[in-house]
């Protein structure tokens, strides 16, 4: 069974990208209107391919970790599968004439579903109807839910032990609202305010900084709305601060350890990734290998967190998270990681419209992408890649 599993994995990682690439070449190359989709995949293929060659020559011979080379190549080919899937999704969107307006309507429905869920949890808790707790107790072993001290924030953020996943969703939906022109701006702001204020109770530090940055960028282009956004921001910060003070788990952290252990763990990982980047700024330390190499670069204060040792012990499994995809790219790919990200954004914008990166709509979506990259190092930020690439008429881009 092990051999069969390995064979299937090899087929997926090494053969499937080639099949998809040939299919894309055959269908896209014939129509110049789809050329930017091909350039997105092609540029990623070239950058990752060149990176693998250089790292094989200069990085991997010095890594004394079994399986490092195989994991790096597997990671690079898996990334190409994702890029191929993104290119294919954009291609199908054009064939079906799916445009940004349809995406915006879908996002509005998602917002309504999110609001209904949050309302049920908040109001239900007041009258003894607690669907979150019921499901949590029934499946606690599978949800890996860690907020043993207070479940209020869990009701808001959803069935996840990681508030940053909730933050990515809210940032994405908020960016769509700020770009959308199918409704009046005032109505979009009302919807945005409701979503943001309800989400404040999730006590996500990533979310509070992300939303404030996103609103600040928007105000650079729409200064007349400054008073409204100041009121939203003030209410948001107030609800967030109140929720933090009321959360038993947060108080326990400070009483027991004197620090916010979650922040110490995250920032320590970012500093470690930055230290590793400075050691190899051009080609990085090995694509896909941050999980096994990061522990060499931790600052001493990282170990103030009780979670630190547990994360460091997972290094043997290439399983240490960086908690930030931008820092992961810097650590693993150096300058090539920045080049990969910039080329992705460039060809996605060219695929959707021909306006400047600094036009309002493009700037909002790019900033939202960068914020979400900074919150997680998993694939939950990919909807923003699609939002960047979905067709928008240049005349409709502010």
Protein backbone atom coordinates (compact mmCIF):
# COMPACT_ATOMS: atom_id res chain seq x y z
CA UNK A 1 0.00 0.00 0.00
CA UNK A 2 2.87 2.37 0.74
CA UNK A 3 4.30 1.85 -2.74
CA UNK A 4 0.89 2.44 -4.33
CA UNK A 5 0.44 5.63 -2.28
CA UNK A 6 3.90 6.88 -3.26
CA UNK A 7 3.24 6.11 -6.92
CA UNK A 8 -0.03 8.01 -6.89
CA UNK A 9 1.70 10.94 -5.17
CA UNK A 10 4.42 10.96 -7.81
CA UNK A 11 1.81 10.87 -10.57
CA UNK A 12 0.02 13.84 -9.05
CA UNK A 13 3.15 15.92 -8.45
CA UNK A 14 5.10 15.20 -11.62
CA UNK A 15 2.67 14.17 -14.34
CA UNK A 16 -0.48 16.14 -13.62
CA UNK A 17 1.17 19.61 -13.98
CA UNK A 18 2.50 18.60 -17.40
CA UNK A 19 -0.94 17.40 -18.54
CA UNK A 20 -2.56 20.62 -17.35
CA UNK A 21 0.20 22.72 -18.93
CA UNK A 22 -0.29 21.02 -22.31
CA UNK A 23 -4.06 21.45 -22.08
CA UNK A 24 -3.65 25.13 -21.28
CA UNK A 25 -1.18 25.59 -24.13
CA UNK A 26 -3.54 23.91 -26.55
CA UNK A 27 -6.60 25.93 -25.52
CA UNK A 28 -5.12 29.30 -24.57
CA UNK A 29 -2.40 29.75 -27.16
CA UNK A 30 -4.98 29.80 -29.97
CA UNK A 31 -6.67 32.91 -28.57
CA UNK A 32 -4.55 35.94 -27.76
CA UNK A 33 -7.21 37.24 -25.37
CA UNK A 34 -6.16 34.47 -22.98
CA UNK A 35 -2.44 35.10 -23.38
CA UNK A 36 -2.00 36.75 -19.97
CA UNK A 37 -3.40 33.63 -18.29
CA UNK A 38 -0.70 31.62 -20.01
CA UNK A 39 1.92 34.18 -19.04
CA UNK A 40 0.85 33.83 -15.41
CA UNK A 41 1.47 30.09 -15.48
CA UNK A 42 4.53 30.35 -17.74
CA UNK A 43 6.30 32.99 -15.64
CA UNK A 44 5.67 30.96 -12.47
CA UNK A 45 7.01 27.85 -14.21
CA UNK A 46 10.20 29.65 -15.32
CA UNK A 47 10.85 31.32 -11.96
CA UNK A 48 10.28 28.15 -9.92
CA UNK A 49 12.26 26.06 -12.43
CA UNK A 50 15.25 28.38 -12.34
CA UNK A 51 15.04 28.55 -8.55
CA UNK A 52 15.11 24.76 -8.30
CA UNK A 53 18.18 24.57 -10.53
CA UNK A 54 20.09 27.16 -8.50
CA UNK A 55 19.07 25.70 -5.15
CA UNK A 56 20.04 22.20 -6.31
CA UNK A 57 23.49 23.53 -7.22
CA UNK A 58 24.18 25.76 -4.21
CA UNK A 59 21.73 25.07 -1.36
CA UNK A 60 20.69 21.43 -1.17
CA UNK A 61 24.22 19.92 -1.02
CA UNK A 62 24.68 21.65 2.37
CA UNK A 63 21.34 20.59 3.88
CA UNK A 64 21.85 17.57 6.12
CA UNK A 65 18.22 16.57 6.23
CA UNK A 66 16.92 13.36 4.61
CA UNK A 67 14.15 13.96 2.15
CA UNK A 68 14.83 17.70 1.81
CA UNK A 69 15.48 17.62 -1.94
CA UNK A 70 12.41 15.47 -2.64
CA UNK A 71 10.20 17.73 -0.51
CA UNK A 72 11.48 20.84 -2.29
CA UNK A 73 10.78 19.42 -5.76
CA UNK A 74 7.42 18.06 -4.63
CA UNK A 75 6.55 21.48 -3.21
CA UNK A 76 7.51 23.28 -6.42
CA UNK A 77 5.48 20.95 -8.63
CA UNK A 78 2.52 21.16 -6.26
CA UNK A 79 2.72 24.95 -6.55
CA UNK A 80 2.60 24.63 -10.33
CA UNK A 81 -0.57 22.56 -9.98
CA UNK A 82 -2.13 25.45 -8.08
CA UNK A 83 -0.99 27.99 -10.70
CA UNK A 84 -2.34 25.74 -13.45
CA UNK A 85 -5.64 25.50 -11.61
CA UNK A 86 -5.75 29.29 -11.22
CA UNK A 87 -5.06 29.77 -14.93
CA UNK A 88 -7.72 27.22 -15.80
CA UNK A 89 -10.26 28.94 -13.50
CA UNK A 90 -9.63 32.29 -15.20
CA UNK A 91 -9.94 30.62 -18.60
CA UNK A 92 -13.27 29.03 -17.68
CA UNK A 93 -14.48 32.36 -16.24
CA UNK A 94 -13.90 33.97 -19.63
CA UNK A 95 -15.60 31.15 -21.51
CA UNK A 96 -18.65 31.47 -19.28
CA UNK A 97 -18.48 35.29 -19.29
CA UNK A 98 -18.14 35.32 -15.51
CA UNK A 99 -16.99 38.80 -14.57
CA UNK A 100 -16.19 40.77 -11.44
CA UNK A 101 -19.83 41.89 -11.09
CA UNK A 102 -20.90 38.25 -10.68
CA UNK A 103 -18.10 37.69 -8.18
CA UNK A 104 -19.30 40.69 -6.21
CA UNK A 105 -22.85 39.34 -6.06
CA UNK A 106 -21.54 35.99 -4.87
CA UNK A 107 -19.49 37.79 -2.21
CA UNK A 108 -22.60 39.63 -1.02
CA UNK A 109 -24.43 36.32 -0.53
CA UNK A 110 -21.40 35.01 1.36
CA UNK A 111 -21.53 38.08 3.58
CA UNK A 112 -25.20 37.53 4.33
CA UNK A 113 -24.56 33.89 5.22
CA UNK A 114 -21.69 34.97 7.49
CA UNK A 115 -23.88 37.58 9.20
CA UNK A 116 -26.72 35.10 9.75
CA UNK A 117 -24.26 32.61 11.26
CA UNK A 118 -22.81 35.26 13.58
CA UNK A 119 -26.26 36.50 14.60
CA UNK A 120 -27.40 32.98 15.46
CA UNK A 121 -24.33 32.39 17.60
CA UNK A 122 -24.44 35.72 19.45
CA UNK A 123 -28.19 35.89 20.01
CA UNK A 124 -28.52 32.15 20.51
CA UNK A 125 -26.00 32.24 23.33
CA UNK A 126 -28.17 34.77 25.17
CA UNK A 127 -31.26 32.58 25.15
CA UNK A 128 -29.61 29.22 25.61
CA UNK A 129 -29.63 28.07 21.99
CA UNK A 130 -25.97 27.32 21.33
CA UNK A 131 -25.43 25.43 18.06
CA UNK A 132 -21.69 26.15 18.15
CA UNK A 133 -21.22 24.52 21.55
CA UNK A 134 -23.40 21.57 20.59
CA UNK A 135 -21.36 20.82 17.47
CA UNK A 136 -18.11 21.57 19.29
CA UNK A 137 -18.81 19.05 22.05
CA UNK A 138 -19.82 16.43 19.51
CA UNK A 139 -16.68 16.78 17.41
CA UNK A 140 -14.05 18.37 19.67
CA UNK A 141 -11.45 15.71 18.90
CA UNK A 142 -11.68 16.46 15.18
CA UNK A 143 -11.93 20.25 15.31
CA UNK A 144 -8.74 20.62 17.40
CA UNK A 145 -10.36 23.60 19.08
CA UNK A 146 -7.96 25.21 21.54
CA UNK A 147 -9.89 28.02 23.27
CA UNK A 148 -10.70 25.99 26.37
CA UNK A 149 -11.14 29.10 28.51
CA UNK A 150 -13.69 31.04 26.50
CA UNK A 151 -15.78 30.03 23.48
CA UNK A 152 -17.28 33.45 22.75
CA UNK A 153 -14.62 34.32 20.18
CA UNK A 154 -15.03 30.88 18.66
CA UNK A 155 -18.69 31.53 17.99
CA UNK A 156 -17.76 34.56 15.91
CA UNK A 157 -14.77 33.21 14.04
CA UNK A 158 -16.29 29.87 13.11
CA UNK A 159 -15.30 26.25 13.62
CA UNK A 160 -11.57 26.91 13.56
CA UNK A 161 -8.93 27.20 16.23
CA UNK A 162 -7.17 29.82 14.11
CA UNK A 163 -8.71 33.33 14.06
CA UNK A 164 -6.47 34.34 11.14
CA UNK A 165 -8.52 32.10 8.82
CA UNK A 166 -11.57 34.13 9.77
CA UNK A 167 -9.53 37.31 9.21
CA UNK A 168 -8.65 36.28 5.65
CA UNK A 169 -12.33 35.76 4.83
CA UNK A 170 -13.36 39.16 6.24
CA UNK A 171 -10.49 40.99 4.49
CA UNK A 172 -11.41 39.35 1.18
CA UNK A 173 -15.11 40.20 1.47
CA UNK A 174 -14.33 43.75 2.66
CA UNK A 175 -12.04 44.35 -0.32
CA UNK A 176 -14.76 43.18 -2.71
CA UNK A 177 -17.21 45.61 -1.08
CA UNK A 178 -14.78 48.52 -1.43
CA UNK A 179 -14.26 47.74 -5.13
CA UNK A 180 -17.85 46.86 -6.03
CA UNK A 181 -19.81 49.38 -8.11
CA UNK A 182 -23.05 47.44 -8.64
CA UNK A 183 -24.52 49.12 -5.53
CA UNK A 184 -24.32 52.63 -4.11
CA UNK A 185 -21.18 53.32 -2.07
CA UNK A 186 -23.21 54.22 1.03
CA UNK A 187 -24.96 50.83 1.07
CA UNK A 188 -21.64 49.04 0.66
CA UNK A 189 -20.25 50.98 3.62
CA UNK A 190 -23.22 50.02 5.80
CA UNK A 191 -22.72 46.32 4.95
CA UNK A 192 -18.98 46.68 5.53
CA UNK A 193 -19.54 48.32 8.93
CA UNK A 194 -21.90 45.54 10.10
CA UNK A 195 -19.50 42.76 9.04
CA UNK A 196 -16.43 44.46 10.50
CA UNK A 197 -18.08 45.36 13.82
CA UNK A 198 -19.48 41.85 14.34
CA UNK A 199 -16.13 40.32 13.42
CA UNK A 200 -14.35 42.47 16.03
CA UNK A 201 -15.52 40.04 18.73
CA UNK A 202 -13.38 37.30 17.14
CA UNK A 203 -10.36 39.03 18.78
CA UNK A 204 -8.13 38.48 15.76
CA UNK A 205 -5.14 40.80 16.00
CA UNK A 206 -4.41 40.22 12.33
CA UNK A 207 -7.92 41.28 11.43
CA UNK A 208 -7.90 44.54 13.37
CA UNK A 209 -4.66 45.72 11.75
CA UNK A 210 -5.70 44.43 8.32
CA UNK A 211 -9.07 46.17 8.31
CA UNK A 212 -7.58 49.47 9.50
CA UNK A 213 -4.90 49.35 6.79
CA UNK A 214 -7.46 48.48 4.10
CA UNK A 215 -9.70 51.37 5.15
CA UNK A 216 -6.72 53.75 5.23
CA UNK A 217 -5.82 52.84 1.63
CA UNK A 218 -9.43 53.37 0.56
CA UNK A 219 -9.49 56.81 2.20
CA UNK A 220 -6.47 57.91 0.18
CA UNK A 221 -8.84 57.90 -2.80
CA UNK A 222 -12.10 58.89 -1.05
CA UNK A 223 -11.26 61.47 1.61
CA UNK A 224 -14.86 62.71 1.86
CA UNK A 225 -15.81 59.49 3.67
CA UNK A 226 -13.20 60.07 6.40
CA UNK A 227 -15.70 60.89 9.24
CA UNK A 228 -17.70 57.71 8.62
CA UNK A 229 -14.61 55.52 8.51
CA UNK A 230 -13.20 57.13 11.66
CA UNK A 231 -16.43 56.24 13.50
CA UNK A 232 -16.33 52.67 12.18
CA UNK A 233 -12.67 52.31 13.18
CA UNK A 234 -13.29 53.72 16.67
CA UNK A 235 -16.23 51.37 17.25
CA UNK A 236 -14.21 48.47 15.88
CA UNK A 237 -11.25 49.12 18.20
CA UNK A 238 -13.63 49.55 21.14
CA UNK A 239 -15.44 46.24 20.53
CA UNK A 240 -12.11 44.48 19.99
CA UNK A 241 -10.62 45.85 23.23
CA UNK A 242 -13.75 44.96 25.22
CA UNK A 243 -13.74 41.42 23.80
CA UNK A 244 -10.08 40.95 24.71
CA UNK A 245 -10.66 42.11 28.30
CA UNK A 246 -13.66 39.80 28.65
CA UNK A 247 -11.85 36.72 27.32
CA UNK A 248 -10.65 34.50 30.14
CA UNK A 249 -8.07 32.78 27.93
CA UNK A 250 -6.32 36.09 27.15
CA UNK A 251 -6.19 37.07 30.84
CA UNK A 252 -4.84 33.64 31.75
CA UNK A 253 -1.96 34.00 29.27
CA UNK A 254 -0.76 37.20 30.91
CA UNK A 255 -1.25 35.92 34.46
CA UNK A 256 0.58 32.67 33.72
CA UNK A 257 3.32 33.76 31.31
CA UNK A 258 3.32 37.57 31.34
CA UNK A 259 3.07 37.75 27.53
CA UNK A 260 0.62 37.22 24.70
CA UNK A 261 1.92 33.76 23.77
CA UNK A 262 0.26 33.75 20.36
CA UNK A 263 1.97 37.00 19.34
CA UNK A 264 5.36 35.90 20.68
CA UNK A 265 5.18 32.67 18.68
CA UNK A 266 4.17 34.41 15.45
CA UNK A 267 6.58 37.31 15.62
CA UNK A 268 9.41 34.96 16.62
CA UNK A 269 8.73 32.91 13.49
CA UNK A 270 8.72 36.05 11.33
CA UNK A 271 12.04 37.18 12.81
CA UNK A 272 13.48 33.71 12.23
CA UNK A 273 12.34 33.79 8.59
CA UNK A 274 13.87 37.25 8.15
CA UNK A 275 17.16 36.09 9.69
CA UNK A 276 17.19 33.15 7.29
CA UNK A 277 16.47 35.46 4.36
CA UNK A 278 19.43 37.68 5.27
CA UNK A 279 21.67 34.61 5.26
CA UNK A 280 20.66 33.71 1.69
CA UNK A 281 18.85 36.71 0.16
CA UNK A 282 19.09 35.72 -3.53
CA UNK A 283 17.95 32.11 -3.79
CA UNK A 284 16.67 31.46 -0.27
CA UNK A 285 17.17 28.41 1.92
CA UNK A 286 15.15 25.78 0.05
CA UNK A 287 11.71 25.93 -1.50
CA UNK A 288 9.16 24.21 0.73
CA UNK A 289 11.69 23.67 3.53
CA UNK A 290 10.87 26.44 6.03
CA UNK A 291 9.08 23.90 8.22
CA UNK A 292 12.29 21.95 8.78
CA UNK A 293 14.93 24.68 8.75
CA UNK A 294 13.32 27.62 10.56
CA UNK A 295 14.31 26.51 14.07
CA UNK A 296 17.97 27.38 13.42
CA UNK A 297 17.09 31.06 13.22
CA UNK A 298 14.73 31.60 16.16
CA UNK A 299 15.55 34.54 18.49
CA UNK A 300 15.98 33.57 22.14
CA UNK A 301 12.80 35.34 23.27
CA UNK A 302 10.74 33.07 20.97
CA UNK A 303 10.99 30.42 23.68
CA UNK A 304 9.06 32.61 26.13
CA UNK A 305 5.98 31.12 24.50
CA UNK A 306 4.82 27.76 25.90
CA UNK A 307 3.96 26.77 22.33
CA UNK A 308 7.53 27.33 21.13
CA UNK A 309 9.02 23.97 22.05
CA UNK A 310 6.06 22.12 20.58
CA UNK A 311 6.51 23.92 17.27
CA UNK A 312 10.28 23.47 17.26
CA UNK A 313 9.90 19.73 17.86
CA UNK A 314 7.89 19.47 14.65
CA UNK A 315 10.94 20.51 12.63
CA UNK A 316 11.80 16.87 12.03
CA UNK A 317 8.52 16.60 10.10
CA UNK A 318 9.05 19.80 8.07
CA UNK A 319 5.98 21.01 9.95
CA UNK A 320 6.93 24.31 11.64
CA UNK A 321 4.57 27.07 10.44
CA UNK A 322 5.83 30.54 9.58
CA UNK A 323 2.37 32.09 10.10
CA UNK A 324 3.08 34.44 7.19
CA UNK A 325 3.36 33.48 3.53
CA UNK A 326 5.38 36.57 2.60
CA UNK A 327 8.07 35.74 5.16
CA UNK A 328 7.90 32.11 4.05
CA UNK A 329 8.63 33.18 0.47
CA UNK A 330 11.54 35.35 1.61
CA UNK A 331 13.01 32.50 3.67
CA UNK A 332 12.54 29.76 1.10
CA UNK A 333 13.10 31.62 -2.19
CA UNK A 334 14.78 34.94 -1.40
CA UNK A 335 14.71 37.44 -4.27
CA UNK A 336 13.08 34.79 -6.48
CA UNK A 337 10.14 34.67 -4.06
CA UNK A 338 9.61 38.42 -4.43
CA UNK A 339 9.93 38.07 -8.21
CA UNK A 340 7.33 35.27 -8.18
CA UNK A 341 4.86 37.36 -6.18
CA UNK A 342 5.35 40.50 -8.29
CA UNK A 343 4.95 38.57 -11.54
CA UNK A 344 1.76 36.95 -10.20
CA UNK A 345 0.24 40.33 -9.39
CA UNK A 346 1.39 41.87 -12.69
CA UNK A 347 -0.11 39.20 -14.95
CA UNK A 348 -3.31 38.95 -12.89
CA UNK A 349 -3.87 42.69 -13.24
CA UNK A 350 -3.10 42.49 -16.95
CA UNK A 351 -5.53 39.59 -17.23
CA UNK A 352 -8.38 41.53 -15.60
CA UNK A 353 -7.82 45.11 -16.79
CA UNK A 354 -5.18 47.41 -18.22
CA UNK A 355 -5.28 50.14 -15.58
CA UNK A 356 -2.38 51.13 -13.33
CA UNK A 357 -1.52 49.19 -10.18
CA UNK A 358 -2.23 52.45 -8.36
CA UNK A 359 -5.80 52.86 -9.54
CA UNK A 360 -8.14 52.53 -6.57
CA UNK A 361 -9.63 49.10 -7.36
CA UNK A 362 -6.32 47.46 -8.22
CA UNK A 363 -4.63 48.98 -5.18
CA UNK A 364 -7.36 47.74 -2.81
CA UNK A 365 -7.18 44.16 -4.12
CA UNK A 366 -3.37 44.14 -4.12
CA UNK A 367 -3.24 45.44 -0.53
CA UNK A 368 -5.88 42.86 0.49
CA UNK A 369 -3.74 40.12 -1.06
CA UNK A 370 -0.60 41.30 0.74
CA UNK A 371 -2.49 41.53 4.03
CA UNK A 372 -3.80 37.98 3.69
CA UNK A 373 -0.35 36.71 2.71
CA UNK A 374 0.83 38.24 5.96
CA UNK A 375 -1.82 36.48 8.05
CA UNK A 376 -1.40 32.84 7.03
CA UNK A 377 0.96 30.56 5.14
CA UNK A 378 -1.70 28.23 3.77
CA UNK A 379 -3.77 28.48 0.60
CA UNK A 380 -6.76 30.28 2.10
CA UNK A 381 -5.73 33.56 0.43
CA UNK A 382 -6.14 32.23 -3.13
CA UNK A 383 -9.65 33.69 -3.71
CA UNK A 384 -7.99 37.11 -3.88
CA UNK A 385 -5.78 35.87 -6.72
CA UNK A 386 -8.97 35.04 -8.58
CA UNK A 387 -10.51 38.41 -7.69
CA UNK A 388 -7.44 40.13 -9.14
CA UNK A 389 -7.64 38.13 -12.36
CA UNK A 390 -11.40 38.07 -13.02
CA UNK A 391 -12.19 40.30 -16.01
CA UNK A 392 -13.02 43.95 -15.29
CA UNK A 393 -13.52 46.49 -18.09
CA UNK A 394 -10.86 49.23 -17.84
CA UNK A 395 -13.63 51.85 -17.88
CA UNK A 396 -15.13 50.32 -14.73
CA UNK A 397 -11.87 50.42 -12.76
CA UNK A 398 -11.58 53.50 -10.58
